[in-house]
């Protein structure tokens, strides 16, 4: 391979790498939607604990997650560090969500002083993952 051919190959590789990294930003959308959906779900479940409100909010959350799952599966690339980022996000979210619901339902039913911070805490992991994913997709 001659010098010019090698330089052209390196330039093409850089272009492909940049394009691939930028396509990995989809997880930022996923994390943001997941965070907002979680925030809404926890607030409705905690502040309006009627069976109808809980059923409607849970169905809405389930529908949003179904759409986001289809969205995620259809993406052509995964962001750098996707597996560990997603596993940590879902693990931390799951613990916070379980604590928020179980403690809140029994100790603080309908109490905004519990449910608003709990909803924000539950939304934090996916929103933080969205930020990390966006930052990684924009870095060189």
N, C-alpha and C. Protein backbone atom coordinates (compact mmCIF):
# COMPACT_ATOMS: atom_id res chain seq x y z
N UNK A 1 0.85 -1.17 0.00
CA UNK A 1 0.00 0.00 0.00
C UNK A 1 0.89 1.24 0.00
N UNK A 2 0.61 2.14 -0.88
CA UNK A 2 1.38 3.38 -0.98
C UNK A 2 0.92 4.37 0.10
N UNK A 3 1.72 5.38 0.29
CA UNK A 3 1.44 6.40 1.31
C UNK A 3 0.09 7.06 1.08
N UNK A 4 -0.22 7.47 -0.16
CA UNK A 4 -1.50 8.13 -0.45
C UNK A 4 -2.68 7.20 -0.19
N UNK A 5 -2.53 5.94 -0.57
CA UNK A 5 -3.61 4.97 -0.33
C UNK A 5 -3.83 4.78 1.17
N UNK A 6 -2.74 4.72 1.91
CA UNK A 6 -2.85 4.56 3.36
C UNK A 6 -3.53 5.77 3.99
N UNK A 7 -3.16 6.97 3.55
CA UNK A 7 -3.79 8.18 4.08
C UNK A 7 -5.28 8.23 3.74
N UNK A 8 -5.63 7.82 2.52
CA UNK A 8 -7.04 7.76 2.14
C UNK A 8 -7.81 6.76 3.01
N UNK A 9 -7.20 5.61 3.26
CA UNK A 9 -7.85 4.60 4.09
C UNK A 9 -8.05 5.11 5.52
N UNK A 10 -7.04 5.81 6.05
CA UNK A 10 -7.16 6.38 7.39
C UNK A 10 -8.25 7.45 7.44
N UNK A 11 -8.33 8.25 6.40
CA UNK A 11 -9.36 9.29 6.34
C UNK A 11 -10.76 8.68 6.29
N UNK A 12 -10.92 7.63 5.49
CA UNK A 12 -12.22 6.94 5.41
C UNK A 12 -12.57 6.31 6.76
N UNK A 13 -11.58 5.72 7.41
CA UNK A 13 -11.82 5.10 8.72
C UNK A 13 -12.24 6.14 9.75
N UNK A 14 -11.62 7.29 9.71
CA UNK A 14 -11.98 8.38 10.62
C UNK A 14 -13.41 8.85 10.36
N UNK A 15 -13.78 8.97 9.09
CA UNK A 15 -15.13 9.39 8.73
C UNK A 15 -16.16 8.37 9.22
N UNK A 16 -15.88 7.10 9.00
CA UNK A 16 -16.79 6.04 9.46
C UNK A 16 -16.89 6.05 10.98
N UNK A 17 -15.77 6.21 11.66
CA UNK A 17 -15.77 6.26 13.13
C UNK A 17 -16.58 7.42 13.67
N UNK A 18 -16.41 8.59 13.08
CA UNK A 18 -17.17 9.77 13.51
C UNK A 18 -18.66 9.56 13.28
N UNK A 19 -19.01 9.04 12.12
CA UNK A 19 -20.42 8.80 11.80
C UNK A 19 -21.02 7.77 12.75
N UNK A 20 -20.28 6.73 13.05
CA UNK A 20 -20.76 5.68 13.95
C UNK A 20 -20.96 6.22 15.36
N UNK A 21 -19.99 6.99 15.87
CA UNK A 21 -20.13 7.58 17.20
C UNK A 21 -21.35 8.48 17.27
N UNK A 22 -21.58 9.28 16.25
CA UNK A 22 -22.72 10.19 16.28
C UNK A 22 -24.04 9.42 16.23
N UNK A 23 -24.06 8.27 15.56
CA UNK A 23 -25.29 7.46 15.51
C UNK A 23 -25.57 6.80 16.85
N UNK A 24 -24.59 6.73 17.72
CA UNK A 24 -24.78 6.14 19.04
C UNK A 24 -25.52 7.05 20.00
N UNK A 25 -25.82 8.26 19.59
CA UNK A 25 -26.53 9.21 20.45
C UNK A 25 -27.99 8.86 20.68
N UNK A 26 -28.51 7.84 20.02
CA UNK A 26 -29.91 7.45 20.21
C UNK A 26 -30.19 7.07 21.66
N UNK A 27 -29.19 6.56 22.38
CA UNK A 27 -29.44 6.16 23.76
C UNK A 27 -29.75 7.36 24.64
N UNK A 28 -29.31 8.54 24.24
CA UNK A 28 -29.67 9.75 24.98
C UNK A 28 -31.18 9.97 24.91
N UNK A 29 -31.76 9.74 23.74
CA UNK A 29 -33.22 9.87 23.59
C UNK A 29 -33.91 8.81 24.44
N UNK A 30 -33.42 7.59 24.38
CA UNK A 30 -33.99 6.50 25.17
C UNK A 30 -33.96 6.85 26.66
N UNK A 31 -32.82 7.28 27.15
CA UNK A 31 -32.69 7.62 28.56
C UNK A 31 -33.58 8.78 28.97
N UNK A 32 -33.68 9.79 28.12
CA UNK A 32 -34.53 10.94 28.44
C UNK A 32 -36.00 10.54 28.50
N UNK A 33 -36.45 9.77 27.54
CA UNK A 33 -37.85 9.32 27.54
C UNK A 33 -38.11 8.41 28.73
N UNK A 34 -37.19 7.51 29.02
CA UNK A 34 -37.35 6.61 30.16
C UNK A 34 -37.41 7.41 31.46
N UNK A 35 -36.56 8.42 31.59
CA UNK A 35 -36.55 9.24 32.79
C UNK A 35 -37.84 10.01 32.98
N UNK A 36 -38.33 10.63 31.92
CA UNK A 36 -39.58 11.40 32.01
C UNK A 36 -40.76 10.47 32.28
N UNK A 37 -40.78 9.31 31.64
CA UNK A 37 -41.86 8.34 31.87
C UNK A 37 -41.84 7.84 33.32
N UNK A 38 -40.66 7.60 33.85
CA UNK A 38 -40.53 7.16 35.24
C UNK A 38 -40.99 8.25 36.19
N UNK A 39 -40.57 9.47 35.94
CA UNK A 39 -40.99 10.60 36.77
C UNK A 39 -42.51 10.68 36.82
N UNK A 40 -43.13 10.61 35.66
CA UNK A 40 -44.59 10.69 35.58
C UNK A 40 -45.25 9.53 36.31
N UNK A 41 -44.76 8.32 36.08
CA UNK A 41 -45.35 7.13 36.70
C UNK A 41 -45.28 7.21 38.22
N UNK A 42 -44.12 7.52 38.76
CA UNK A 42 -43.97 7.56 40.22
C UNK A 42 -44.85 8.65 40.83
N UNK A 43 -44.93 9.80 40.18
CA UNK A 43 -45.79 10.87 40.71
C UNK A 43 -47.25 10.46 40.71
N UNK A 44 -47.72 9.88 39.62
CA UNK A 44 -49.13 9.48 39.55
C UNK A 44 -49.43 8.37 40.55
N UNK A 45 -48.59 7.36 40.59
CA UNK A 45 -48.82 6.24 41.52
C UNK A 45 -48.80 6.73 42.97
N UNK A 46 -47.89 7.64 43.28
CA UNK A 46 -47.77 8.10 44.66
C UNK A 46 -48.77 9.14 45.09
N UNK A 47 -49.09 10.06 44.20
CA UNK A 47 -49.96 11.17 44.59
C UNK A 47 -51.43 10.94 44.27
N UNK A 48 -51.73 10.02 43.38
CA UNK A 48 -53.12 9.71 43.00
C UNK A 48 -53.31 8.20 43.05
N UNK A 49 -53.29 7.62 44.24
CA UNK A 49 -53.25 6.16 44.34
C UNK A 49 -54.58 5.43 44.12
N UNK A 50 -55.44 5.96 43.28
CA UNK A 50 -56.67 5.22 42.97
C UNK A 50 -56.33 4.09 41.99
N UNK A 51 -57.09 3.02 42.01
CA UNK A 51 -56.82 1.91 41.09
C UNK A 51 -56.84 2.33 39.63
N UNK A 52 -57.74 3.23 39.26
CA UNK A 52 -57.82 3.67 37.86
C UNK A 52 -56.59 4.47 37.45
N UNK A 53 -56.15 5.36 38.32
CA UNK A 53 -54.96 6.17 38.01
C UNK A 53 -53.72 5.29 37.91
N UNK A 54 -53.61 4.35 38.82
CA UNK A 54 -52.45 3.45 38.79
C UNK A 54 -52.48 2.59 37.53
N UNK A 55 -53.66 2.06 37.18
CA UNK A 55 -53.78 1.23 35.98
C UNK A 55 -53.47 2.04 34.72
N UNK A 56 -54.00 3.25 34.63
CA UNK A 56 -53.78 4.08 33.44
C UNK A 56 -52.31 4.48 33.33
N UNK A 57 -51.70 4.89 34.44
CA UNK A 57 -50.30 5.32 34.37
C UNK A 57 -49.38 4.13 34.08
N UNK A 58 -49.68 2.98 34.64
CA UNK A 58 -48.88 1.79 34.37
C UNK A 58 -49.01 1.36 32.92
N UNK A 59 -50.23 1.43 32.38
CA UNK A 59 -50.43 1.10 30.97
C UNK A 59 -49.69 2.09 30.07
N UNK A 60 -49.75 3.37 30.41
CA UNK A 60 -49.02 4.37 29.63
C UNK A 60 -47.52 4.15 29.69
N UNK A 61 -47.01 3.82 30.87
CA UNK A 61 -45.59 3.53 31.02
C UNK A 61 -45.21 2.30 30.21
N UNK A 62 -46.03 1.27 30.28
CA UNK A 62 -45.77 0.05 29.50
C UNK A 62 -45.76 0.31 28.01
N UNK A 63 -46.70 1.13 27.54
CA UNK A 63 -46.75 1.48 26.12
C UNK A 63 -45.51 2.26 25.71
N UNK A 64 -45.10 3.22 26.55
CA UNK A 64 -43.90 4.00 26.25
C UNK A 64 -42.67 3.10 26.19
N UNK A 65 -42.58 2.15 27.11
CA UNK A 65 -41.43 1.24 27.12
C UNK A 65 -41.46 0.30 25.92
N UNK A 66 -42.64 -0.12 25.49
CA UNK A 66 -42.73 -0.97 24.30
C UNK A 66 -42.23 -0.21 23.07
N UNK A 67 -42.66 1.04 22.94
CA UNK A 67 -42.21 1.86 21.81
C UNK A 67 -40.71 2.09 21.89
N UNK A 68 -40.19 2.37 23.08
CA UNK A 68 -38.76 2.62 23.23
C UNK A 68 -37.94 1.35 22.99
N UNK A 69 -38.49 0.20 23.34
CA UNK A 69 -37.78 -1.06 23.07
C UNK A 69 -37.67 -1.30 21.57
N UNK A 70 -38.76 -1.09 20.86
CA UNK A 70 -38.72 -1.23 19.39
C UNK A 70 -37.72 -0.22 18.81
N UNK A 71 -37.75 1.00 19.31
CA UNK A 71 -36.81 2.03 18.87
C UNK A 71 -35.37 1.58 19.10
N UNK A 72 -35.08 1.04 20.28
CA UNK A 72 -33.71 0.63 20.61
C UNK A 72 -33.25 -0.54 19.75
N UNK A 73 -34.13 -1.50 19.53
CA UNK A 73 -33.75 -2.68 18.75
C UNK A 73 -33.47 -2.33 17.30
N UNK A 74 -34.09 -1.30 16.79
CA UNK A 74 -33.93 -0.94 15.38
C UNK A 74 -32.70 -0.07 15.11
N UNK A 75 -31.96 0.29 16.13
CA UNK A 75 -30.79 1.15 15.92
C UNK A 75 -29.63 0.35 15.34
N UNK A 76 -28.93 0.92 14.36
CA UNK A 76 -27.86 0.18 13.69
C UNK A 76 -26.57 0.06 14.50
N UNK A 77 -26.38 0.91 15.50
CA UNK A 77 -25.16 0.86 16.30
C UNK A 77 -25.52 0.99 17.78
N UNK A 78 -24.62 0.51 18.62
CA UNK A 78 -24.76 0.70 20.05
C UNK A 78 -23.72 1.72 20.48
N UNK A 79 -24.08 2.60 21.42
CA UNK A 79 -23.10 3.56 21.90
C UNK A 79 -21.92 2.86 22.57
N UNK A 80 -20.80 3.54 22.61
CA UNK A 80 -19.62 3.01 23.28
C UNK A 80 -19.95 2.76 24.75
N UNK A 81 -19.64 1.59 25.24
CA UNK A 81 -19.91 1.24 26.63
C UNK A 81 -21.38 1.02 26.92
N UNK A 82 -22.16 0.71 25.89
CA UNK A 82 -23.61 0.59 26.03
C UNK A 82 -24.02 -0.46 27.06
N UNK A 83 -23.43 -1.64 26.99
CA UNK A 83 -23.86 -2.74 27.87
C UNK A 83 -23.70 -2.36 29.34
N UNK A 84 -22.53 -1.89 29.72
CA UNK A 84 -22.32 -1.54 31.12
C UNK A 84 -23.16 -0.33 31.52
N UNK A 85 -23.27 0.66 30.65
CA UNK A 85 -24.08 1.84 30.96
C UNK A 85 -25.54 1.45 31.17
N UNK A 86 -26.08 0.63 30.29
CA UNK A 86 -27.48 0.23 30.39
C UNK A 86 -27.72 -0.65 31.62
N UNK A 87 -26.82 -1.60 31.88
CA UNK A 87 -26.99 -2.47 33.05
C UNK A 87 -26.93 -1.69 34.36
N UNK A 88 -25.98 -0.78 34.47
CA UNK A 88 -25.89 0.03 35.68
C UNK A 88 -27.11 0.93 35.82
N UNK A 89 -27.53 1.52 34.72
CA UNK A 89 -28.70 2.40 34.76
C UNK A 89 -29.93 1.64 35.24
N UNK A 90 -30.20 0.50 34.63
CA UNK A 90 -31.39 -0.27 34.99
C UNK A 90 -31.28 -0.85 36.40
N UNK A 91 -30.09 -1.24 36.80
CA UNK A 91 -29.91 -1.76 38.16
C UNK A 91 -30.18 -0.71 39.22
N UNK A 92 -29.57 0.46 39.06
CA UNK A 92 -29.77 1.55 40.02
C UNK A 92 -31.23 2.01 39.98
N UNK A 93 -31.77 2.15 38.78
CA UNK A 93 -33.17 2.55 38.65
C UNK A 93 -34.09 1.55 39.36
N UNK A 94 -33.86 0.27 39.15
CA UNK A 94 -34.71 -0.76 39.76
C UNK A 94 -34.71 -0.69 41.28
N UNK A 95 -33.54 -0.50 41.87
CA UNK A 95 -33.45 -0.39 43.32
C UNK A 95 -34.18 0.86 43.80
N UNK A 96 -33.92 2.00 43.17
CA UNK A 96 -34.58 3.24 43.58
C UNK A 96 -36.09 3.16 43.40
N UNK A 97 -36.53 2.59 42.30
CA UNK A 97 -37.96 2.47 42.02
C UNK A 97 -38.64 1.57 43.05
N UNK A 98 -38.03 0.43 43.35
CA UNK A 98 -38.61 -0.49 44.34
C UNK A 98 -38.68 0.17 45.72
N UNK A 99 -37.62 0.84 46.13
CA UNK A 99 -37.62 1.52 47.43
C UNK A 99 -38.67 2.62 47.45
N UNK A 100 -38.73 3.41 46.38
CA UNK A 100 -39.71 4.50 46.33
C UNK A 100 -41.13 3.97 46.47
N UNK A 101 -41.45 2.92 45.74
CA UNK A 101 -42.81 2.39 45.79
C UNK A 101 -43.12 1.70 47.11
N UNK A 102 -42.27 0.80 47.55
CA UNK A 102 -42.58 0.04 48.76
C UNK A 102 -42.60 0.92 50.00
N UNK A 103 -41.59 1.75 50.17
CA UNK A 103 -41.57 2.64 51.33
C UNK A 103 -42.69 3.66 51.22
N UNK A 104 -42.85 4.24 50.05
CA UNK A 104 -43.87 5.27 49.88
C UNK A 104 -45.29 4.78 50.07
N UNK A 105 -45.61 3.61 49.55
CA UNK A 105 -46.98 3.09 49.66
C UNK A 105 -47.36 2.81 51.11
N UNK A 106 -46.40 2.34 51.90
CA UNK A 106 -46.72 1.98 53.28
C UNK A 106 -46.47 3.11 54.28
N UNK A 107 -45.45 3.90 54.08
CA UNK A 107 -45.10 4.92 55.06
C UNK A 107 -45.57 6.32 54.69
N UNK A 108 -45.69 6.61 53.38
CA UNK A 108 -46.02 7.97 52.96
C UNK A 108 -47.09 8.01 51.87
N UNK A 109 -48.21 7.35 52.05
CA UNK A 109 -49.23 7.36 50.98
C UNK A 109 -49.76 8.77 50.71
N UNK A 110 -49.66 9.19 49.45
CA UNK A 110 -50.19 10.49 49.04
C UNK A 110 -49.42 11.69 49.56
N UNK A 111 -48.24 11.50 50.09
CA UNK A 111 -47.46 12.58 50.69
C UNK A 111 -46.47 13.17 49.68
N UNK A 112 -46.72 14.39 49.19
CA UNK A 112 -45.82 14.99 48.19
C UNK A 112 -44.37 15.12 48.66
N UNK A 113 -44.17 15.31 49.96
CA UNK A 113 -42.80 15.46 50.47
C UNK A 113 -41.99 14.18 50.25
N UNK A 114 -42.63 13.04 50.10
CA UNK A 114 -41.94 11.80 49.77
C UNK A 114 -41.92 11.57 48.26
N UNK A 115 -43.06 11.71 47.62
CA UNK A 115 -43.21 11.26 46.24
C UNK A 115 -42.49 12.14 45.23
N UNK A 116 -42.42 13.43 45.45
CA UNK A 116 -41.72 14.30 44.49
C UNK A 116 -40.22 14.00 44.49
N UNK A 117 -39.54 14.00 45.66
CA UNK A 117 -38.12 13.62 45.63
C UNK A 117 -37.89 12.18 45.16
N UNK A 118 -38.81 11.27 45.52
CA UNK A 118 -38.66 9.88 45.07
C UNK A 118 -38.76 9.79 43.55
N UNK A 119 -39.69 10.53 42.96
CA UNK A 119 -39.83 10.53 41.50
C UNK A 119 -38.58 11.10 40.84
N UNK A 120 -38.05 12.17 41.41
CA UNK A 120 -36.83 12.76 40.86
C UNK A 120 -35.65 11.80 40.99
N UNK A 121 -35.56 11.10 42.13
CA UNK A 121 -34.48 10.13 42.32
C UNK A 121 -34.60 8.98 41.32
N UNK A 122 -35.82 8.52 41.08
CA UNK A 122 -36.02 7.41 40.13
C UNK A 122 -35.71 7.84 38.70
N UNK A 123 -35.96 9.10 38.38
CA UNK A 123 -35.69 9.60 37.03
C UNK A 123 -34.20 9.90 36.81
N UNK A 124 -33.46 10.06 37.89
CA UNK A 124 -32.05 10.47 37.77
C UNK A 124 -31.17 9.46 37.02
N UNK A 125 -31.22 8.16 37.30
CA UNK A 125 -30.32 7.24 36.57
C UNK A 125 -30.50 7.26 35.06
N UNK A 126 -31.73 7.15 34.51
CA UNK A 126 -31.83 7.19 33.05
C UNK A 126 -31.46 8.56 32.47
N UNK A 127 -31.75 9.63 33.20
CA UNK A 127 -31.37 10.95 32.69
C UNK A 127 -29.85 11.13 32.72
N UNK A 128 -29.20 10.60 33.75
CA UNK A 128 -27.73 10.65 33.80
C UNK A 128 -27.13 9.81 32.67
N UNK A 129 -27.72 8.65 32.41
CA UNK A 129 -27.25 7.80 31.30
C UNK A 129 -27.44 8.51 29.97
N UNK A 130 -28.54 9.24 29.82
CA UNK A 130 -28.76 10.01 28.60
C UNK A 130 -27.66 11.05 28.42
N UNK A 131 -27.30 11.71 29.50
CA UNK A 131 -26.25 12.72 29.44
C UNK A 131 -24.90 12.08 29.06
N UNK A 132 -24.57 10.97 29.70
CA UNK A 132 -23.31 10.28 29.40
C UNK A 132 -23.28 9.83 27.95
N UNK A 133 -24.38 9.25 27.49
CA UNK A 133 -24.44 8.77 26.10
C UNK A 133 -24.30 9.91 25.11
N UNK A 134 -24.95 11.02 25.39
CA UNK A 134 -24.85 12.17 24.50
C UNK A 134 -23.42 12.71 24.47
N UNK A 135 -22.81 12.79 25.64
CA UNK A 135 -21.43 13.28 25.71
C UNK A 135 -20.48 12.35 24.95
N UNK A 136 -20.66 11.05 25.13
CA UNK A 136 -19.80 10.08 24.43
C UNK A 136 -20.00 10.14 22.92
N UNK A 137 -21.23 10.33 22.48
CA UNK A 137 -21.50 10.33 21.04
C UNK A 137 -20.94 11.58 20.37
N UNK A 138 -20.71 12.62 21.14
CA UNK A 138 -20.17 13.86 20.57
C UNK A 138 -18.67 13.96 20.71
N UNK A 139 -18.06 13.06 21.49
CA UNK A 139 -16.60 13.12 21.67
C UNK A 139 -15.90 12.46 20.50
N UNK A 140 -14.68 12.85 20.31
CA UNK A 140 -13.92 12.31 19.17
C UNK A 140 -13.30 10.99 19.45
